[in-house]
Amino acid sequence: MTTESEDLQLIAQKLKTTRKELGYSQKRVAEQAGISRLRYQDIEAGRSSARAVTLINIGRALGLELVFVPQPWVPAVNALIRPDNHVDDTPGLIFTQLDDPDE
């Protein structure tokens, strides 16, 4: 099982990677999520945790959806989203990329 610090780093890395892939600035994501750029910067760097509603808003600004999965289901969900059959027993906290509704 991962520690809270490791979980923060996993979330931070996913946010940063997705933001950069989309070509978004931290300011843009923060504005769309309704938080300050400095607050977003701390979350993305893994220096600060965020309330669930803040993570939901950040995720949606990045086209992601926060999904809570019961822990016993995590291996099955991971098997569906990871084609290399990598099994991970981390707690059920998964961000998924949503398709762009405009495409």
Protein backbone atom coordinates (compact mmCIF):
# COMPACT_ATOMS: atom_id res chain seq x y z
CA MET A 1 0.00 0.00 0.00
CA THR A 2 1.29 3.47 -0.82
CA THR A 3 1.81 6.27 1.67
CA GLU A 4 -0.06 9.56 1.56
CA SER A 5 3.09 11.25 0.26
CA GLU A 6 3.42 8.70 -2.55
CA ASP A 7 -0.26 9.15 -3.42
CA LEU A 8 0.22 12.93 -3.61
CA GLN A 9 3.16 12.42 -5.95
CA LEU A 10 1.18 10.04 -8.20
CA ILE A 11 -1.69 12.52 -8.45
CA ALA A 12 0.70 15.43 -8.99
CA GLN A 13 2.52 13.60 -11.79
CA LYS A 14 -0.75 12.72 -13.55
CA LEU A 15 -1.93 16.33 -13.37
CA LYS A 16 1.37 17.71 -14.65
CA THR A 17 1.71 15.16 -17.46
CA THR A 18 -1.86 15.69 -18.65
CA ARG A 19 -1.58 19.48 -18.47
CA LYS A 20 1.61 19.46 -20.53
CA GLU A 21 0.16 17.02 -23.08
CA LEU A 22 -2.77 19.40 -23.55
CA GLY A 23 -0.45 22.42 -23.81
CA TYR A 24 -2.25 24.17 -20.94
CA SER A 25 -0.59 26.61 -18.57
CA GLN A 26 -0.93 26.24 -14.83
CA LYS A 27 -2.81 29.54 -14.85
CA ARG A 28 -5.38 28.21 -17.32
CA VAL A 29 -6.01 25.04 -15.31
CA ALA A 30 -6.23 26.98 -12.05
CA GLU A 31 -8.72 29.47 -13.49
CA GLN A 32 -10.91 26.72 -14.91
CA ALA A 33 -10.76 24.86 -11.59
CA GLY A 34 -11.61 27.99 -9.60
CA ILE A 35 -8.40 28.11 -7.56
CA SER A 36 -5.32 30.32 -7.54
CA ARG A 37 -2.35 29.50 -9.73
CA LEU A 38 -0.14 29.22 -6.64
CA ARG A 39 -2.55 26.71 -5.07
CA TYR A 40 -2.60 24.66 -8.28
CA GLN A 41 1.20 24.87 -8.50
CA ASP A 42 1.51 23.40 -4.98
CA ILE A 43 -0.94 20.59 -5.78
CA GLU A 44 0.77 19.78 -9.10
CA ALA A 45 4.17 19.73 -7.39
CA GLY A 46 2.89 17.33 -4.73
CA ARG A 47 3.62 19.84 -1.96
CA SER A 48 -0.02 20.15 -0.95
CA SER A 49 -3.04 17.88 -0.81
CA ALA A 50 -6.44 18.99 -2.04
CA ARG A 51 -10.03 18.39 -1.07
CA ALA A 52 -11.97 16.00 -3.28
CA VAL A 53 -14.01 18.82 -4.81
CA THR A 54 -10.80 20.63 -5.76
CA LEU A 55 -9.41 17.48 -7.40
CA ILE A 56 -12.69 17.01 -9.25
CA ASN A 57 -12.55 20.59 -10.56
CA ILE A 58 -8.88 20.30 -11.56
CA GLY A 59 -9.53 16.97 -13.23
CA ARG A 60 -12.42 18.35 -15.23
CA ALA A 61 -10.32 21.35 -16.30
CA LEU A 62 -7.91 18.78 -17.74
CA GLY A 63 -10.57 16.55 -19.27
CA LEU A 64 -10.16 13.99 -16.50
CA GLU A 65 -12.73 12.48 -14.19
CA LEU A 66 -11.99 11.45 -10.61
CA VAL A 67 -13.35 7.95 -10.05
CA PHE A 68 -13.54 6.21 -6.69
CA VAL A 69 -13.26 2.46 -7.10
CA PRO A 70 -13.77 -0.05 -4.29
CA GLN A 71 -10.33 -1.40 -3.36
CA PRO A 72 -11.18 -5.02 -4.21
CA TRP A 73 -12.02 -3.89 -7.76
CA VAL A 74 -8.75 -2.01 -8.37
CA PRO A 75 -6.89 -4.97 -9.96
CA ALA A 76 -9.81 -5.61 -12.33
CA VAL A 77 -10.14 -1.93 -13.28
CA ASN A 78 -6.38 -1.66 -13.79
CA ALA A 79 -6.45 -4.75 -16.00
CA LEU A 80 -9.04 -3.01 -18.17
CA ILE A 81 -7.13 0.25 -18.48
CA ARG A 82 -3.57 -1.16 -18.60
CA PRO A 83 -3.09 -3.37 -21.63
CA ASP A 84 0.25 -4.71 -20.38
CA ASN A 85 -1.56 -6.65 -17.62
CA HIS A 86 0.29 -4.68 -14.95
CA VAL A 87 -1.46 -5.32 -11.62
CA ASP A 88 -1.26 -2.67 -8.92
CA ASP A 89 -2.85 -2.82 -5.49
CA THR A 90 -2.90 0.92 -4.78
CA PRO A 91 -6.07 2.28 -3.19
CA GLY A 92 -8.97 3.01 -5.51
CA LEU A 93 -8.12 6.49 -6.72
CA ILE A 94 -7.95 6.69 -10.49
CA PHE A 95 -8.02 9.57 -12.96
CA THR A 96 -9.27 8.70 -16.42
CA GLN A 97 -9.01 10.73 -19.60
CA LEU A 98 -12.40 11.67 -21.01
CA ASP A 99 -13.03 11.87 -24.72
CA ASP A 100 -13.46 15.41 -25.98
CA PRO A 101 -17.23 15.88 -26.48
CA ASP A 102 -16.51 18.37 -29.29
CA GLU A 103 -14.72 15.78 -31.43
